[in-house]
PDB file of all heavy atoms in Angstrom:
ATOM      1  N   ARG A   1      -2.348 -15.126  46.918  1.00  0.00           N
ATOM      2  CA  ARG A   1      -2.925 -16.304  46.155  1.00  0.00           C
ATOM      3  C   ARG A   1      -4.249 -16.575  46.621  1.00  0.00           C
ATOM      4  O   ARG A   1      -5.335 -16.820  45.859  1.00  0.00           O
ATOM      5  CB  ARG A   1      -2.052 -17.551  46.337  1.00  0.00           C
ATOM      6  CG  ARG A   1      -0.811 -17.545  45.617  1.00  0.00           C
ATOM      7  CD  ARG A   1       0.063 -18.770  45.705  1.00  0.00           C
ATOM      8  NE  ARG A   1       1.227 -18.628  45.048  1.00  0.00           N
ATOM      9  CZ  ARG A   1       2.443 -19.164  45.566  1.00  0.00           C
ATOM     10  NH1 ARG A   1       2.442 -19.852  46.605  1.00  0.00           N
ATOM     11  NH2 ARG A   1       3.591 -19.002  44.810  1.00  0.00           N
ATOM     12  N   GLU A   2      -4.584 -16.489  47.900  1.00  0.00           N
ATOM     13  CA  GLU A   2      -5.872 -16.807  48.503  1.00  0.00           C
ATOM     14  C   GLU A   2      -6.876 -15.658  47.998  1.00  0.00           C
ATOM     15  O   GLU A   2      -7.886 -16.013  47.723  1.00  0.00           O
ATOM     16  CB  GLU A   2      -5.757 -16.768  50.036  1.00  0.00           C
ATOM     17  CG  GLU A   2      -7.067 -17.161  50.629  1.00  0.00           C
ATOM     18  CD  GLU A   2      -7.443 -18.561  50.507  1.00  0.00           C
ATOM     19  OE1 GLU A   2      -6.581 -19.381  50.177  1.00  0.00           O
ATOM     20  OE2 GLU A   2      -8.694 -18.874  50.700  1.00  0.00           O
ATOM     21  N   ILE A   3      -6.377 -14.402  48.004  1.00  0.00           N
ATOM     22  CA  ILE A   3      -7.201 -13.385  47.508  1.00  0.00           C
ATOM     23  C   ILE A   3      -7.578 -13.542  46.132  1.00  0.00           C
ATOM     24  O   ILE A   3      -8.801 -13.344  45.643  1.00  0.00           O
ATOM     25  CB  ILE A   3      -6.587 -11.970  47.723  1.00  0.00           C
ATOM     26  CG1 ILE A   3      -6.556 -11.591  49.281  1.00  0.00           C
ATOM     27  CG2 ILE A   3      -7.246 -10.930  46.973  1.00  0.00           C
ATOM     28  CD1 ILE A   3      -5.681 -10.353  49.607  1.00  0.00           C
ATOM     29  N   ASP A   4      -6.689 -13.881  45.301  1.00  0.00           N
ATOM     30  CA  ASP A   4      -6.910 -14.184  43.794  1.00  0.00           C
ATOM     31  C   ASP A   4      -7.984 -15.267  43.661  1.00  0.00           C
ATOM     32  O   ASP A   4      -8.861 -15.145  42.812  1.00  0.00           O
ATOM     33  CB  ASP A   4      -5.621 -14.521  43.064  1.00  0.00           C
ATOM     34  CG  ASP A   4      -4.671 -13.365  42.913  1.00  0.00           C
ATOM     35  OD1 ASP A   4      -5.153 -12.204  43.082  1.00  0.00           O
ATOM     36  OD2 ASP A   4      -3.503 -13.602  42.642  1.00  0.00           O
ATOM     37  N   LYS A   5      -7.813 -16.389  44.468  1.00  0.00           N
ATOM     38  CA  LYS A   5      -8.785 -17.462  44.516  1.00  0.00           C
ATOM     39  C   LYS A   5     -10.099 -17.006  44.901  1.00  0.00           C
ATOM     40  O   LYS A   5     -11.113 -17.334  44.142  1.00  0.00           O
ATOM     41  CB  LYS A   5      -8.344 -18.539  45.421  1.00  0.00           C
ATOM     42  CG  LYS A   5      -9.285 -19.717  45.450  1.00  0.00           C
ATOM     43  CD  LYS A   5      -8.630 -20.682  46.471  1.00  0.00           C
ATOM     44  CE  LYS A   5      -9.710 -21.793  46.739  1.00  0.00           C
ATOM     45  NZ  LYS A   5      -9.430 -22.676  47.856  1.00  0.00           N
ATOM     46  N   LEU A   6     -10.262 -16.207  45.900  1.00  0.00           N
ATOM     47  CA  LEU A   6     -11.507 -15.716  46.457  1.00  0.00           C
ATOM     48  C   LEU A   6     -12.228 -14.776  45.319  1.00  0.00           C
ATOM     49  O   LEU A   6     -13.446 -14.770  45.177  1.00  0.00           O
ATOM     50  CB  LEU A   6     -11.435 -15.036  47.782  1.00  0.00           C
ATOM     51  CG  LEU A   6     -11.062 -15.974  48.905  1.00  0.00           C
ATOM     52  CD1 LEU A   6     -10.747 -15.121  50.085  1.00  0.00           C
ATOM     53  CD2 LEU A   6     -12.137 -16.890  49.150  1.00  0.00           C
ATOM     54  N   LYS A   7     -11.322 -13.919  44.798  1.00  0.00           N
ATOM     55  CA  LYS A   7     -11.801 -13.031  43.712  1.00  0.00           C
ATOM     56  C   LYS A   7     -12.504 -13.780  42.535  1.00  0.00           C
ATOM     57  O   LYS A   7     -13.503 -13.542  41.972  1.00  0.00           O
ATOM     58  CB  LYS A   7     -10.777 -12.085  43.145  1.00  0.00           C
ATOM     59  CG  LYS A   7     -10.409 -10.983  44.086  1.00  0.00           C
ATOM     60  CD  LYS A   7      -9.295 -10.197  43.331  1.00  0.00           C
ATOM     61  CE  LYS A   7      -8.950  -8.900  44.218  1.00  0.00           C
ATOM     62  NZ  LYS A   7      -7.891  -8.137  43.470  1.00  0.00           N
ATOM     63  N   PHE A   8     -11.892 -14.871  42.135  1.00  0.00           N
ATOM     64  CA  PHE A   8     -12.259 -15.805  41.074  1.00  0.00           C
ATOM     65  C   PHE A   8     -13.609 -16.461  41.492  1.00  0.00           C
ATOM     66  O   PHE A   8     -14.578 -16.405  40.736  1.00  0.00           O
ATOM     67  CB  PHE A   8     -11.170 -16.753  40.647  1.00  0.00           C
ATOM     68  CG  PHE A   8     -11.644 -17.715  39.625  1.00  0.00           C
ATOM     69  CD1 PHE A   8     -11.668 -17.375  38.317  1.00  0.00           C
ATOM     70  CD2 PHE A   8     -11.976 -19.034  39.896  1.00  0.00           C
ATOM     71  CE1 PHE A   8     -12.159 -18.223  37.283  1.00  0.00           C
ATOM     72  CE2 PHE A   8     -12.458 -19.951  39.000  1.00  0.00           C
ATOM     73  CZ  PHE A   8     -12.460 -19.439  37.714  1.00  0.00           C
ATOM     74  N   GLU A   9     -13.686 -16.950  42.706  1.00  0.00           N
ATOM     75  CA  GLU A   9     -14.891 -17.616  43.120  1.00  0.00           C
ATOM     76  C   GLU A   9     -16.012 -16.602  43.318  1.00  0.00           C
ATOM     77  O   GLU A   9     -17.170 -16.962  42.964  1.00  0.00           O
ATOM     78  CB  GLU A   9     -14.633 -18.217  44.560  1.00  0.00           C
ATOM     79  CG  GLU A   9     -13.799 -19.495  44.380  1.00  0.00           C
ATOM     80  CD  GLU A   9     -13.452 -20.096  45.866  1.00  0.00           C
ATOM     81  OE1 GLU A   9     -13.901 -19.518  46.791  1.00  0.00           O
ATOM     82  OE2 GLU A   9     -12.711 -21.025  45.800  1.00  0.00           O
ATOM     83  N   ASN A  10     -15.692 -15.375  43.668  1.00  0.00           N
ATOM     84  CA  ASN A  10     -16.711 -14.372  43.775  1.00  0.00           C
ATOM     85  C   ASN A  10     -17.273 -13.984  42.398  1.00  0.00           C
ATOM     86  O   ASN A  10     -18.466 -13.790  42.312  1.00  0.00           O
ATOM     87  CB  ASN A  10     -16.080 -13.136  44.428  1.00  0.00           C
ATOM     88  CG  ASN A  10     -17.202 -12.015  44.798  1.00  0.00           C
ATOM     89  OD1 ASN A  10     -18.296 -12.397  45.118  1.00  0.00           O
ATOM     90  ND2 ASN A  10     -16.714 -10.751  44.639  1.00  0.00           N
ATOM     91  N   LYS A  11     -16.454 -13.907  41.394  1.00  0.00           N
ATOM     92  CA  LYS A  11     -16.786 -13.591  40.056  1.00  0.00           C
ATOM     93  C   LYS A  11     -17.744 -14.682  39.537  1.00  0.00           C
ATOM     94  O   LYS A  11     -18.727 -14.374  38.899  1.00  0.00           O
ATOM     95  CB  LYS A  11     -15.555 -13.460  39.194  1.00  0.00           C
ATOM     96  CG  LYS A  11     -15.897 -13.149  37.680  1.00  0.00           C
ATOM     97  CD  LYS A  11     -14.641 -13.085  36.866  1.00  0.00           C
ATOM     98  CE  LYS A  11     -15.040 -12.927  35.489  1.00  0.00           C
ATOM     99  NZ  LYS A  11     -13.926 -13.102  34.524  1.00  0.00           N
ATOM    100  N   LEU A  12     -17.400 -16.024  39.842  1.00  0.00           N
ATOM    101  CA  LEU A  12     -18.217 -17.016  39.325  1.00  0.00           C
ATOM    102  C   LEU A  12     -19.633 -17.024  40.056  1.00  0.00           C
ATOM    103  O   LEU A  12     -20.619 -17.253  39.371  1.00  0.00           O
ATOM    104  CB  LEU A  12     -17.622 -18.445  39.695  1.00  0.00           C
ATOM    105  CG  LEU A  12     -16.282 -18.830  38.925  1.00  0.00           C
ATOM    106  CD1 LEU A  12     -15.766 -20.100  39.335  1.00  0.00           C
ATOM    107  CD2 LEU A  12     -16.652 -18.944  37.394  1.00  0.00           C
ATOM    108  N   MET A  13     -19.608 -16.717  41.280  1.00  0.00           N
ATOM    109  CA  MET A  13     -20.890 -16.642  42.019  1.00  0.00           C
ATOM    110  C   MET A  13     -21.682 -15.472  41.462  1.00  0.00           C
ATOM    111  O   MET A  13     -23.005 -15.598  41.315  1.00  0.00           O
ATOM    112  CB  MET A  13     -20.606 -16.531  43.554  1.00  0.00           C
ATOM    113  CG  MET A  13     -20.134 -17.755  44.097  1.00  0.00           C
ATOM    114  SD  MET A  13     -19.734 -17.632  45.888  1.00  0.00           S
ATOM    115  CE  MET A  13     -21.291 -17.199  46.613  1.00  0.00           C
ATOM    116  N   ALA A  14     -21.096 -14.384  41.257  1.00  0.00           N
ATOM    117  CA  ALA A  14     -21.867 -13.190  40.736  1.00  0.00           C
ATOM    118  C   ALA A  14     -22.499 -13.523  39.389  1.00  0.00           C
ATOM    119  O   ALA A  14     -23.603 -13.162  39.034  1.00  0.00           O
ATOM    120  CB  ALA A  14     -20.972 -12.059  40.582  1.00  0.00           C
ATOM    121  N   GLU A  15     -21.648 -14.243  38.459  1.00  0.00           N
ATOM    122  CA  GLU A  15     -22.146 -14.732  37.185  1.00  0.00           C
ATOM    123  C   GLU A  15     -23.327 -15.617  37.404  1.00  0.00           C
ATOM    124  O   GLU A  15     -24.337 -15.457  36.624  1.00  0.00           O
ATOM    125  CB  GLU A  15     -21.043 -15.271  36.375  1.00  0.00           C
ATOM    126  CG  GLU A  15     -20.032 -14.309  35.825  1.00  0.00           C
ATOM    127  CD  GLU A  15     -18.804 -15.004  35.255  1.00  0.00           C
ATOM    128  OE1 GLU A  15     -18.795 -16.246  35.204  1.00  0.00           O
ATOM    129  OE2 GLU A  15     -17.919 -14.310  34.740  1.00  0.00           O
ATOM    130  N   LYS A  16     -23.320 -16.525  38.240  1.00  0.00           N
ATOM    131  CA  LYS A  16     -24.358 -17.527  38.512  1.00  0.00           C
ATOM    132  C   LYS A  16     -25.644 -16.701  39.023  1.00  0.00           C
ATOM    133  O   LYS A  16     -26.816 -17.026  38.558  1.00  0.00           O
ATOM    134  CB  LYS A  16     -24.031 -18.613  39.466  1.00  0.00           C
ATOM    135  CG  LYS A  16     -23.024 -19.544  38.961  1.00  0.00           C
ATOM    136  CD  LYS A  16     -22.748 -20.631  39.924  1.00  0.00           C
ATOM    137  CE  LYS A  16     -21.755 -21.654  39.359  1.00  0.00           C
ATOM    138  NZ  LYS A  16     -21.472 -22.791  40.311  1.00  0.00           N
ATOM    139  N   MET A  17     -25.420 -15.776  39.884  1.00  0.00           N
ATOM    140  CA  MET A  17     -26.475 -15.028  40.411  1.00  0.00           C
ATOM    141  C   MET A  17     -27.227 -14.258  39.194  1.00  0.00           C
ATOM    142  O   MET A  17     -28.444 -14.110  39.202  1.00  0.00           O
ATOM    143  CB  MET A  17     -25.999 -14.024  41.539  1.00  0.00           C
ATOM    144  CG  MET A  17     -25.699 -14.729  42.837  1.00  0.00           C
ATOM    145  SD  MET A  17     -26.999 -15.543  43.654  1.00  0.00           S
ATOM    146  CE  MET A  17     -27.903 -14.141  44.202  1.00  0.00           C
ATOM    147  N   GLU A  18     -26.338 -13.601  38.380  1.00  0.00           N
ATOM    148  CA  GLU A  18     -26.873 -12.889  37.213  1.00  0.00           C
ATOM    149  C   GLU A  18     -27.668 -13.861  36.286  1.00  0.00           C
ATOM    150  O   GLU A  18     -28.742 -13.449  35.919  1.00  0.00           O
ATOM    151  CB  GLU A  18     -25.795 -12.206  36.433  1.00  0.00           C
ATOM    152  CG  GLU A  18     -26.229 -11.227  35.398  1.00  0.00           C
ATOM    153  CD  GLU A  18     -25.139 -10.484  34.834  1.00  0.00           C
ATOM    154  OE1 GLU A  18     -24.188 -10.293  35.483  1.00  0.00           O
ATOM    155  OE2 GLU A  18     -25.291 -10.089  33.581  1.00  0.00           O
ATOM    156  N   ASP A  19     -27.134 -14.950  36.058  1.00  0.00           N
ATOM    157  CA  ASP A  19     -27.876 -15.989  35.257  1.00  0.00           C
ATOM    158  C   ASP A  19     -29.207 -16.300  35.737  1.00  0.00           C
ATOM    159  O   ASP A  19     -30.191 -16.496  35.117  1.00  0.00           O
ATOM    160  CB  ASP A  19     -26.981 -17.227  35.112  1.00  0.00           C
ATOM    161  CG  ASP A  19     -25.815 -16.964  34.109  1.00  0.00           C
ATOM    162  OD1 ASP A  19     -25.624 -15.878  33.423  1.00  0.00           O
ATOM    163  OD2 ASP A  19     -24.867 -17.888  34.120  1.00  0.00           O
ATOM    164  N   LEU A  20     -29.231 -16.603  37.135  1.00  0.00           N
ATOM    165  CA  LEU A  20     -30.442 -16.991  37.842  1.00  0.00           C
ATOM    166  C   LEU A  20     -31.483 -15.790  37.786  1.00  0.00           C
ATOM    167  O   LEU A  20     -32.612 -15.994  37.498  1.00  0.00           O
ATOM    168  CB  LEU A  20     -30.094 -17.313  39.291  1.00  0.00           C
ATOM    169  CG  LEU A  20     -29.528 -18.778  39.491  1.00  0.00           C
ATOM    170  CD1 LEU A  20     -29.228 -18.861  40.984  1.00  0.00           C
ATOM    171  CD2 LEU A  20     -30.608 -19.800  39.114  1.00  0.00           C
ATOM    172  N   ALA A  21     -30.981 -14.614  37.896  1.00  0.00           N
ATOM    173  CA  ALA A  21     -31.907 -13.392  37.855  1.00  0.00           C
ATOM    174  C   ALA A  21     -32.459 -13.289  36.507  1.00  0.00           C
ATOM    175  O   ALA A  21     -33.600 -12.881  36.364  1.00  0.00           O
ATOM    176  CB  ALA A  21     -31.184 -12.137  38.286  1.00  0.00           C
ATOM    177  N   ASN A  22     -31.680 -13.684  35.473  1.00  0.00           N
ATOM    178  CA  ASN A  22     -32.175 -13.387  34.146  1.00  0.00           C
ATOM    179  C   ASN A  22     -32.992 -14.621  33.573  1.00  0.00           C
ATOM    180  O   ASN A  22     -33.660 -14.567  32.551  1.00  0.00           O
ATOM    181  CB  ASN A  22     -31.011 -13.180  33.198  1.00  0.00           C
ATOM    182  CG  ASN A  22     -30.362 -11.834  33.402  1.00  0.00           C
ATOM    183  OD1 ASN A  22     -31.004 -10.886  33.902  1.00  0.00           O
ATOM    184  ND2 ASN A  22     -29.116 -11.705  33.156  1.00  0.00           N
ATOM    185  N   SER A  23     -32.940 -15.775  34.284  1.00  0.00           N
ATOM    186  CA  SER A  23     -33.573 -16.932  33.801  1.00  0.00           C
ATOM    187  C   SER A  23     -35.064 -16.772  34.262  1.00  0.00           C
ATOM    188  O   SER A  23     -35.471 -16.090  35.047  1.00  0.00           O
ATOM    189  CB  SER A  23     -32.928 -18.171  34.370  1.00  0.00           C
ATOM    190  OG  SER A  23     -33.182 -18.317  35.757  1.00  0.00           O
ATOM    191  N   GLU A  24     -35.842 -17.698  33.674  1.00  0.00           N
ATOM    192  CA  GLU A  24     -37.306 -17.708  33.940  1.00  0.00           C
ATOM    193  C   GLU A  24     -37.542 -18.761  35.097  1.00  0.00           C
ATOM    194  O   GLU A  24     -38.722 -18.952  35.459  1.00  0.00           O
ATOM    195  CB  GLU A  24     -38.121 -18.089  32.759  1.00  0.00           C
ATOM    196  CG  GLU A  24     -38.000 -17.042  31.617  1.00  0.00           C
ATOM    197  CD  GLU A  24     -38.926 -17.288  30.488  1.00  0.00           C
ATOM    198  OE1 GLU A  24     -39.895 -18.131  30.638  1.00  0.00           O
ATOM    199  OE2 GLU A  24     -38.567 -16.891  29.406  1.00  0.00           O
ATOM    200  N   GLU A  25     -36.502 -19.371  35.660  1.00  0.00           N
ATOM    201  CA  GLU A  25     -36.778 -20.241  36.790  1.00  0.00           C
ATOM    202  C   GLU A  25     -37.247 -19.563  38.003  1.00  0.00           C
ATOM    203  O   GLU A  25     -37.992 -20.134  38.820  1.00  0.00           O
ATOM    204  CB  GLU A  25     -35.388 -21.017  37.094  1.00  0.00           C
ATOM    205  CG  GLU A  25     -34.941 -21.910  35.986  1.00  0.00           C
ATOM    206  CD  GLU A  25     -33.574 -22.504  36.372  1.00  0.00           C
ATOM    207  OE1 GLU A  25     -33.280 -22.552  37.534  1.00  0.00           O
ATOM    208  OE2 GLU A  25     -32.860 -22.974  35.428  1.00  0.00           O
ATOM    209  N   ILE A  26     -36.866 -18.324  38.190  1.00  0.00           N
ATOM    210  CA  ILE A  26     -37.313 -17.570  39.395  1.00  0.00           C
ATOM    211  C   ILE A  26     -38.121 -16.349  39.017  1.00  0.00           C
ATOM    212  O   ILE A  26     -37.489 -15.311  38.546  1.00  0.00           O
ATOM    213  CB  ILE A  26     -35.990 -17.072  40.209  1.00  0.00           C
ATOM    214  CG1 ILE A  26     -35.176 -18.277  40.656  1.00  0.00           C
ATOM    215  CG2 ILE A  26     -36.484 -16.249  41.403  1.00  0.00           C
ATOM    216  CD1 ILE A  26     -33.905 -17.797  41.317  1.00  0.00           C
ATOM    217  N   PRO A  27     -39.381 -16.455  38.853  1.00  0.00           N
ATOM    218  CA  PRO A  27     -40.184 -15.365  38.408  1.00  0.00           C
ATOM    219  C   PRO A  27     -40.159 -14.236  39.471  1.00  0.00           C
ATOM    220  O   PRO A  27     -40.021 -14.391  40.543  1.00  0.00           O
ATOM    221  CB  PRO A  27     -41.635 -15.932  38.318  1.00  0.00           C
ATOM    222  CG  PRO A  27     -41.611 -17.173  39.136  1.00  0.00           C
ATOM    223  CD  PRO A  27     -40.104 -17.559  39.258  1.00  0.00           C
ATOM    224  N   ASN A  28     -40.318 -13.004  38.860  1.00  0.00           N
ATOM    225  CA  ASN A  28     -40.220 -11.850  39.756  1.00  0.00           C
ATOM    226  C   ASN A  28     -41.612 -11.424  40.071  1.00  0.00           C
ATOM    227  O   ASN A  28     -42.133 -10.392  39.561  1.00  0.00           O
ATOM    228  CB  ASN A  28     -39.461 -10.737  38.974  1.00  0.00           C
ATOM    229  CG  ASN A  28     -39.044  -9.505  39.950  1.00  0.00           C
ATOM    230  OD1 ASN A  28     -39.291  -9.686  41.115  1.00  0.00           O
ATOM    231  ND2 ASN A  28     -38.495  -8.479  39.372  1.00  0.00           N
ATOM    232  N   ARG A  29     -42.309 -12.101  40.855  1.00  0.00           N
ATOM    233  CA  ARG A  29     -43.691 -11.807  41.303  1.00  0.00           C
ATOM    234  C   ARG A  29     -43.807 -12.244  42.719  1.00  0.00           C
ATOM    235  O   ARG A  29     -43.193 -12.999  43.255  1.00  0.00           O
ATOM    236  CB  ARG A  29     -44.634 -12.519  40.340  1.00  0.00           C
ATOM    237  CG  ARG A  29     -44.570 -13.973  40.349  1.00  0.00           C
ATOM    238  CD  ARG A  29     -45.444 -14.650  39.355  1.00  0.00           C
ATOM    239  NE  ARG A  29     -45.047 -16.008  39.181  1.00  0.00           N
ATOM    240  CZ  ARG A  29     -45.845 -17.111  38.941  1.00  0.00           C
ATOM    241  NH1 ARG A  29     -46.965 -16.725  38.539  1.00  0.00           N
ATOM    242  NH2 ARG A  29     -45.394 -18.119  38.809  1.00  0.00           N
ATOM    243  N   LYS A  30     -44.999 -11.890  43.301  1.00  0.00           N
ATOM    244  CA  LYS A  30     -45.352 -12.250  44.633  1.00  0.00           C
ATOM    245  C   LYS A  30     -45.847 -13.722  44.718  1.00  0.00           C
ATOM    246  O   LYS A  30     -46.382 -14.178  43.841  1.00  0.00           O
ATOM    247  CB  LYS A  30     -46.400 -11.313  45.215  1.00  0.00           C
ATOM    248  CG  LYS A  30     -45.980  -9.824  45.315  1.00  0.00           C
ATOM    249  CD  LYS A  30     -47.086  -9.048  45.968  1.00  0.00           C
ATOM    250  CE  LYS A  30     -46.647  -7.660  46.195  1.00  0.00           C
ATOM    251  NZ  LYS A  30     -47.823  -6.787  46.729  1.00  0.00           N
ATOM    252  N   PRO A  31     -45.490 -14.268  45.862  1.00  0.00           N
ATOM    253  CA  PRO A  31     -45.979 -15.675  46.054  1.00  0.00           C
ATOM    254  C   PRO A  31     -47.456 -15.744  46.218  1.00  0.00           C
ATOM    255  O   PRO A  31     -48.128 -14.626  46.429  1.00  0.00           O
ATOM    256  CB  PRO A  31     -45.320 -16.062  47.410  1.00  0.00           C
ATOM    257  CG  PRO A  31     -44.231 -15.113  47.592  1.00  0.00           C
ATOM    258  CD  PRO A  31     -44.610 -13.891  46.914  1.00  0.00           C
ATOM    259  N   PRO A  32     -48.141 -16.904  45.890  1.00  0.00           N
ATOM    260  CA  PRO A  32     -49.544 -16.942  45.893  1.00  0.00           C
ATOM    261  C   PRO A  32     -50.303 -16.563  47.213  1.00  0.00           C
ATOM    262  O   PRO A  32     -51.411 -16.160  47.144  1.00  0.00           O
ATOM    263  CB  PRO A  32     -49.875 -18.478  45.578  1.00  0.00           C
ATOM    264  CG  PRO A  32     -48.536 -19.064  45.310  1.00  0.00           C
ATOM    265  CD  PRO A  32     -47.445 -18.109  45.611  1.00  0.00           C
ATOM    266  N   HIS A  33     -49.608 -16.613  48.321  1.00  0.00           N
ATOM    267  CA  HIS A  33     -50.306 -16.353  49.577  1.00  0.00           C
ATOM    268  C   HIS A  33     -50.432 -14.872  49.803  1.00  0.00           C
ATOM    269  O   HIS A  33     -51.016 -14.491  50.818  1.00  0.00           O
ATOM    270  CB  HIS A  33     -49.645 -16.920  50.649  1.00  0.00           C
ATOM    271  CG  HIS A  33     -48.229 -16.642  50.948  1.00  0.00           C
ATOM    272  ND1 HIS A  33     -47.135 -17.202  50.225  1.00  0.00           N
ATOM    273  CD2 HIS A  33     -47.683 -15.714  51.856  1.00  0.00           C
ATOM    274  CE1 HIS A  33     -46.039 -16.540  50.668  1.00  0.00           C
ATOM    275  NE2 HIS A  33     -46.294 -15.731  51.539  1.00  0.00           N
TER     276      HIS A  33
END
């Protein structure tokens, strides 16, 4: 049961990371400095 729970949480986190990577909130460029 714990493994199933962790797999589900991992899947949610992976989806959030993919959403963040695809969003324009985090541009893929070098910082100004």
